[in-house]
N, C-alpha and C. Protein backbone atom coordinates (compact mmCIF):
# COMPACT_ATOMS: atom_id res chain seq x y z
N MET A 1 0.81 -1.19 0.00
CA MET A 1 0.00 0.00 0.01
C MET A 1 0.86 1.25 -0.01
N GLY A 2 1.95 1.31 0.80
CA GLY A 2 2.87 2.43 0.74
C GLY A 2 2.44 3.64 1.58
N THR A 3 2.93 4.77 1.16
CA THR A 3 2.72 5.99 1.86
C THR A 3 1.30 6.54 1.68
N GLU A 4 0.72 7.01 2.77
CA GLU A 4 -0.61 7.63 2.73
C GLU A 4 -0.48 9.14 2.45
N PRO A 5 -1.39 9.73 1.65
CA PRO A 5 -1.37 11.16 1.45
C PRO A 5 -1.67 11.92 2.78
N VAL A 6 -1.10 13.10 2.89
CA VAL A 6 -1.30 13.94 4.08
C VAL A 6 -1.60 15.37 3.64
N VAL A 7 -2.57 15.97 4.26
CA VAL A 7 -2.80 17.44 4.12
C VAL A 7 -2.72 18.04 5.51
N ARG A 8 -1.77 18.92 5.71
CA ARG A 8 -1.65 19.59 7.00
C ARG A 8 -2.07 21.05 6.82
N ARG A 9 -2.97 21.51 7.64
CA ARG A 9 -3.45 22.87 7.60
C ARG A 9 -2.47 23.79 8.34
N ALA A 10 -2.38 25.04 7.88
CA ALA A 10 -1.49 26.01 8.51
C ALA A 10 -1.75 26.11 10.01
N SER A 11 -3.02 25.99 10.38
CA SER A 11 -3.38 26.12 11.82
C SER A 11 -2.87 24.96 12.64
N GLU A 12 -2.45 23.87 11.99
CA GLU A 12 -1.97 22.69 12.70
C GLU A 12 -0.46 22.73 12.96
N VAL A 13 0.23 23.70 12.35
CA VAL A 13 1.70 23.76 12.45
C VAL A 13 2.06 24.56 13.70
N GLU A 14 2.85 23.95 14.56
CA GLU A 14 3.32 24.62 15.77
C GLU A 14 4.73 25.14 15.53
N TYR A 15 4.97 26.41 15.91
CA TYR A 15 6.27 27.00 15.77
C TYR A 15 6.97 27.03 17.13
N GLU A 16 8.26 26.77 17.08
CA GLU A 16 9.04 26.82 18.33
C GLU A 16 10.34 27.56 18.10
N SER A 17 10.85 28.18 19.15
CA SER A 17 12.13 28.87 19.03
C SER A 17 13.26 27.88 18.85
N VAL A 18 14.22 28.25 18.04
CA VAL A 18 15.40 27.42 17.83
C VAL A 18 16.44 27.81 18.87
N SER A 19 16.87 26.86 19.68
CA SER A 19 17.72 27.18 20.83
C SER A 19 19.05 27.85 20.43
N ALA A 20 19.56 27.53 19.22
CA ALA A 20 20.86 28.00 18.84
C ALA A 20 20.85 29.48 18.44
N ALA A 21 19.65 30.07 18.25
CA ALA A 21 19.58 31.42 17.73
C ALA A 21 18.38 32.17 18.24
N ASP A 22 18.60 33.32 18.87
CA ASP A 22 17.49 34.20 19.27
C ASP A 22 16.84 34.79 18.03
N GLY A 23 15.52 34.73 17.96
CA GLY A 23 14.80 35.34 16.89
C GLY A 23 14.54 34.41 15.71
N LEU A 24 14.97 33.14 15.82
CA LEU A 24 14.70 32.17 14.76
C LEU A 24 13.62 31.18 15.28
N GLU A 25 12.55 31.03 14.50
CA GLU A 25 11.50 30.07 14.87
C GLU A 25 11.30 29.08 13.73
N LYS A 26 10.97 27.83 14.13
CA LYS A 26 10.82 26.75 13.16
C LYS A 26 9.46 26.11 13.33
N GLY A 27 8.80 25.87 12.18
CA GLY A 27 7.59 25.05 12.13
C GLY A 27 7.81 23.90 11.18
N VAL A 28 7.55 22.68 11.61
CA VAL A 28 7.72 21.52 10.74
C VAL A 28 6.40 21.35 10.00
N LEU A 29 6.46 21.45 8.67
CA LEU A 29 5.25 21.37 7.84
C LEU A 29 4.89 19.91 7.56
N VAL A 30 5.86 19.14 7.08
CA VAL A 30 5.66 17.70 6.83
C VAL A 30 6.99 17.02 7.06
N ASP A 31 7.00 15.89 7.75
CA ASP A 31 8.23 15.10 7.91
C ASP A 31 7.90 13.64 8.17
N ALA A 32 8.88 12.90 8.63
CA ALA A 32 8.70 11.45 8.82
C ALA A 32 7.54 11.13 9.79
N ASP A 33 7.29 12.03 10.74
CA ASP A 33 6.16 11.80 11.67
C ASP A 33 4.81 11.77 10.93
N ASP A 34 4.77 12.39 9.77
CA ASP A 34 3.56 12.40 8.94
C ASP A 34 3.56 11.28 7.93
N GLY A 35 4.62 10.45 7.93
CA GLY A 35 4.73 9.36 7.00
C GLY A 35 5.52 9.68 5.75
N ALA A 36 6.13 10.89 5.69
CA ALA A 36 6.93 11.25 4.54
C ALA A 36 8.17 10.36 4.48
N PRO A 37 8.40 9.62 3.41
CA PRO A 37 9.48 8.63 3.42
C PRO A 37 10.89 9.20 3.27
N THR A 38 11.02 10.36 2.63
CA THR A 38 12.37 10.79 2.25
C THR A 38 12.74 12.17 2.72
N PHE A 39 11.82 13.15 2.60
CA PHE A 39 12.16 14.55 2.90
C PHE A 39 11.27 15.13 3.98
N ALA A 40 11.80 16.19 4.61
CA ALA A 40 11.01 17.02 5.53
C ALA A 40 11.00 18.44 4.95
N ILE A 41 9.85 19.14 5.13
CA ILE A 41 9.78 20.55 4.76
C ILE A 41 9.48 21.31 6.05
N ARG A 42 10.28 22.34 6.26
CA ARG A 42 10.14 23.15 7.46
C ARG A 42 10.02 24.63 7.03
N ARG A 43 9.32 25.42 7.84
CA ARG A 43 9.22 26.86 7.57
C ARG A 43 9.87 27.59 8.75
N PHE A 44 10.78 28.50 8.43
CA PHE A 44 11.50 29.28 9.43
C PHE A 44 11.11 30.75 9.32
N THR A 45 11.10 31.44 10.46
CA THR A 45 11.00 32.89 10.46
C THR A 45 12.20 33.47 11.19
N LEU A 46 12.72 34.59 10.67
CA LEU A 46 13.90 35.22 11.21
C LEU A 46 13.49 36.67 11.57
N ALA A 47 13.43 36.95 12.86
CA ALA A 47 12.92 38.25 13.32
C ALA A 47 13.88 39.40 12.95
N PRO A 48 13.33 40.61 12.78
CA PRO A 48 14.21 41.74 12.52
C PRO A 48 15.29 41.87 13.59
N GLY A 49 16.53 42.14 13.16
CA GLY A 49 17.61 42.32 14.09
C GLY A 49 18.25 41.02 14.61
N SER A 50 17.75 39.89 14.18
CA SER A 50 18.26 38.63 14.71
C SER A 50 19.40 38.07 13.88
N GLU A 51 20.18 37.23 14.52
CA GLU A 51 21.32 36.57 13.88
C GLU A 51 21.34 35.09 14.27
N VAL A 52 21.73 34.27 13.32
CA VAL A 52 21.96 32.85 13.57
C VAL A 52 23.48 32.64 13.45
N PRO A 53 24.15 32.15 14.47
CA PRO A 53 25.60 32.05 14.42
C PRO A 53 26.10 31.05 13.40
N LYS A 54 27.39 31.15 13.06
CA LYS A 54 27.99 30.21 12.11
C LYS A 54 27.83 28.78 12.64
N HIS A 55 27.40 27.90 11.70
CA HIS A 55 27.21 26.52 12.09
C HIS A 55 27.27 25.63 10.84
N THR A 56 27.33 24.35 11.06
CA THR A 56 27.22 23.37 9.99
C THR A 56 26.09 22.39 10.35
N ASN A 57 25.56 21.74 9.34
CA ASN A 57 24.56 20.68 9.53
C ASN A 57 25.07 19.42 8.84
N GLU A 58 24.61 18.26 9.34
CA GLU A 58 25.03 17.00 8.75
C GLU A 58 24.33 16.69 7.44
N VAL A 59 23.25 17.43 7.14
CA VAL A 59 22.48 17.16 5.92
C VAL A 59 22.42 18.42 5.06
N GLU A 60 22.19 18.21 3.75
CA GLU A 60 22.00 19.32 2.83
C GLU A 60 20.72 20.08 3.18
N HIS A 61 20.68 21.36 2.78
CA HIS A 61 19.50 22.20 2.93
C HIS A 61 19.14 22.77 1.55
N GLU A 62 17.90 22.65 1.12
CA GLU A 62 17.38 23.41 -0.01
C GLU A 62 16.41 24.42 0.57
N GLN A 63 16.62 25.69 0.25
CA GLN A 63 15.81 26.74 0.85
C GLN A 63 15.14 27.62 -0.21
N TYR A 64 13.96 28.14 0.11
CA TYR A 64 13.23 29.04 -0.75
C TYR A 64 12.74 30.21 0.11
N VAL A 65 13.11 31.41 -0.26
CA VAL A 65 12.75 32.60 0.52
C VAL A 65 11.32 32.99 0.21
N LEU A 66 10.50 33.03 1.26
CA LEU A 66 9.09 33.38 1.13
C LEU A 66 8.84 34.88 1.23
N SER A 67 9.55 35.55 2.14
CA SER A 67 9.31 36.96 2.36
C SER A 67 10.48 37.58 3.09
N GLY A 68 10.50 38.94 3.06
CA GLY A 68 11.55 39.68 3.77
C GLY A 68 12.82 39.71 2.95
N GLU A 69 13.84 40.29 3.56
CA GLU A 69 15.18 40.35 2.94
C GLU A 69 16.15 40.17 4.09
N TYR A 70 17.13 39.27 3.93
CA TYR A 70 18.11 38.99 4.97
C TYR A 70 19.40 38.50 4.31
N THR A 71 20.43 38.41 5.13
CA THR A 71 21.74 38.00 4.63
C THR A 71 21.99 36.54 5.02
N VAL A 72 22.46 35.76 4.05
CA VAL A 72 22.89 34.39 4.33
C VAL A 72 24.38 34.30 4.01
N GLY A 73 25.17 33.88 4.99
CA GLY A 73 26.58 33.62 4.78
C GLY A 73 26.75 32.16 4.46
N ILE A 74 27.49 31.85 3.38
CA ILE A 74 27.78 30.46 3.01
C ILE A 74 29.27 30.40 2.73
N ASP A 75 29.97 29.54 3.46
CA ASP A 75 31.43 29.48 3.35
C ASP A 75 31.99 30.86 3.72
N GLU A 76 32.65 31.51 2.81
CA GLU A 76 33.26 32.83 3.08
C GLU A 76 32.47 33.98 2.47
N GLU A 77 31.37 33.68 1.78
CA GLU A 77 30.64 34.74 1.08
C GLU A 77 29.29 35.03 1.73
N GLU A 78 28.88 36.30 1.68
CA GLU A 78 27.55 36.70 2.16
C GLU A 78 26.68 37.05 0.95
N HIS A 79 25.40 36.66 1.04
CA HIS A 79 24.43 36.91 -0.03
C HIS A 79 23.18 37.53 0.58
N VAL A 80 22.74 38.67 0.04
CA VAL A 80 21.44 39.23 0.45
C VAL A 80 20.39 38.55 -0.38
N VAL A 81 19.40 37.92 0.29
CA VAL A 81 18.34 37.16 -0.38
C VAL A 81 16.99 37.80 -0.05
N SER A 82 16.05 37.57 -0.99
CA SER A 82 14.69 38.10 -0.76
C SER A 82 13.71 37.18 -1.47
N GLU A 83 12.45 37.52 -1.37
CA GLU A 83 11.33 36.69 -1.85
C GLU A 83 11.62 36.10 -3.24
N GLY A 84 11.46 34.77 -3.35
CA GLY A 84 11.62 34.09 -4.61
C GLY A 84 13.01 33.51 -4.85
N ASP A 85 14.00 33.88 -4.01
CA ASP A 85 15.34 33.34 -4.16
C ASP A 85 15.41 31.92 -3.60
N SER A 86 16.30 31.11 -4.20
CA SER A 86 16.48 29.74 -3.76
C SER A 86 17.96 29.47 -3.44
N LEU A 87 18.24 28.57 -2.50
CA LEU A 87 19.60 28.31 -2.08
C LEU A 87 19.78 26.79 -1.91
N LEU A 88 20.99 26.35 -2.19
CA LEU A 88 21.46 25.02 -1.81
C LEU A 88 22.63 25.20 -0.87
N ILE A 89 22.51 24.69 0.36
CA ILE A 89 23.59 24.68 1.34
C ILE A 89 24.00 23.23 1.51
N PRO A 90 25.15 22.84 0.93
CA PRO A 90 25.57 21.43 1.02
C PRO A 90 25.84 21.00 2.48
N ALA A 91 25.72 19.72 2.76
CA ALA A 91 26.02 19.17 4.06
C ALA A 91 27.44 19.54 4.45
N GLY A 92 27.61 19.95 5.72
CA GLY A 92 28.95 20.25 6.24
C GLY A 92 29.49 21.60 5.92
N VAL A 93 28.79 22.43 5.14
CA VAL A 93 29.28 23.74 4.75
C VAL A 93 28.87 24.76 5.83
N VAL A 94 29.84 25.59 6.26
CA VAL A 94 29.57 26.62 7.27
C VAL A 94 28.60 27.64 6.70
N HIS A 95 27.53 28.01 7.47
CA HIS A 95 26.62 29.03 7.06
C HIS A 95 26.02 29.74 8.27
N TRP A 96 25.45 30.91 8.01
CA TRP A 96 24.85 31.74 9.09
C TRP A 96 23.86 32.68 8.43
N TYR A 97 23.03 33.32 9.29
CA TYR A 97 21.98 34.21 8.86
C TYR A 97 22.00 35.50 9.67
N ARG A 98 21.58 36.60 9.03
CA ARG A 98 21.50 37.88 9.75
C ARG A 98 20.37 38.70 9.08
N ASN A 99 19.43 39.16 9.92
CA ASN A 99 18.33 39.99 9.41
C ASN A 99 18.53 41.41 9.92
N GLU A 100 19.10 42.27 9.08
CA GLU A 100 19.34 43.64 9.45
C GLU A 100 18.18 44.57 9.12
N GLY A 101 17.14 44.03 8.48
CA GLY A 101 15.97 44.83 8.09
C GLY A 101 15.01 45.02 9.25
N ASP A 102 13.90 45.68 8.92
CA ASP A 102 12.89 45.91 9.97
C ASP A 102 11.63 45.06 9.71
N GLU A 103 11.72 44.10 8.81
CA GLU A 103 10.64 43.15 8.67
C GLU A 103 11.14 41.71 8.78
N GLU A 104 10.26 40.83 9.22
CA GLU A 104 10.58 39.44 9.41
C GLU A 104 10.96 38.80 8.08
N GLY A 105 11.95 37.93 8.09
CA GLY A 105 12.23 37.06 6.93
C GLY A 105 11.59 35.72 7.17
N ALA A 106 11.19 35.07 6.07
CA ALA A 106 10.60 33.72 6.19
C ALA A 106 11.11 32.88 5.03
N PHE A 107 11.39 31.60 5.32
CA PHE A 107 11.84 30.71 4.24
C PHE A 107 11.42 29.29 4.51
N LEU A 108 11.27 28.54 3.40
CA LEU A 108 11.06 27.12 3.50
C LEU A 108 12.42 26.41 3.42
N CYS A 109 12.57 25.31 4.10
CA CYS A 109 13.80 24.54 4.10
C CYS A 109 13.43 23.07 3.97
N ALA A 110 13.92 22.45 2.89
CA ALA A 110 13.73 21.02 2.70
C ALA A 110 15.01 20.27 3.05
N VAL A 111 14.90 19.20 3.80
CA VAL A 111 16.04 18.41 4.20
C VAL A 111 15.69 16.92 4.13
N PRO A 112 16.68 16.07 3.96
CA PRO A 112 16.41 14.62 4.02
C PRO A 112 15.95 14.25 5.45
N ASN A 113 15.11 13.28 5.58
CA ASN A 113 14.70 12.80 6.91
C ASN A 113 15.91 12.20 7.62
N GLY A 114 15.83 12.18 8.93
CA GLY A 114 16.90 11.61 9.73
C GLY A 114 17.54 12.67 10.60
N ASP A 115 18.61 12.29 11.26
CA ASP A 115 19.30 13.20 12.20
C ASP A 115 19.93 14.34 11.42
N ASP A 116 19.76 15.55 11.97
CA ASP A 116 20.37 16.74 11.39
C ASP A 116 21.10 17.48 12.49
N GLU A 117 22.26 16.95 12.89
CA GLU A 117 22.97 17.54 14.01
C GLU A 117 23.55 18.89 13.59
N ILE A 118 23.34 19.90 14.48
CA ILE A 118 23.86 21.23 14.26
C ILE A 118 25.14 21.40 15.07
N ASP A 119 26.21 21.86 14.43
CA ASP A 119 27.47 22.06 15.09
C ASP A 119 27.80 23.56 15.06
N LEU A 120 27.68 24.21 16.22
CA LEU A 120 27.98 25.66 16.28
C LEU A 120 29.49 25.87 16.29
N LEU A 121 29.95 26.89 15.57
CA LEU A 121 31.37 27.11 15.46
C LEU A 121 31.91 28.22 16.36
N GLU A 122 31.00 28.92 17.05
CA GLU A 122 31.45 30.05 17.90
C GLU A 122 31.22 29.75 19.35
């Protein structure tokens, strides 16, 4: 029979603060807990004035910017991103975020299911 279809309503998604960064919140939209066999999709919000310190993850990230404008550092380069931009952050690559604007940034992040250990570098 395989995987069952799932529809999750926006009202069902719970957002929680990410301990590694003040001003970053995460909502899991669909993941293994919903029966998704391969990928998880998460929605993050980055509050005005907030920063996420340099870190690496064990898994790749594919991201799509939903709203706002903020800076993403990847390796040694910084990129200002805004609505409609897409990013690939390979597994193990140092990256960080900074929202210097006065509006919230929001992005989708798709990752493979499984452990995604975060290693802070500072």
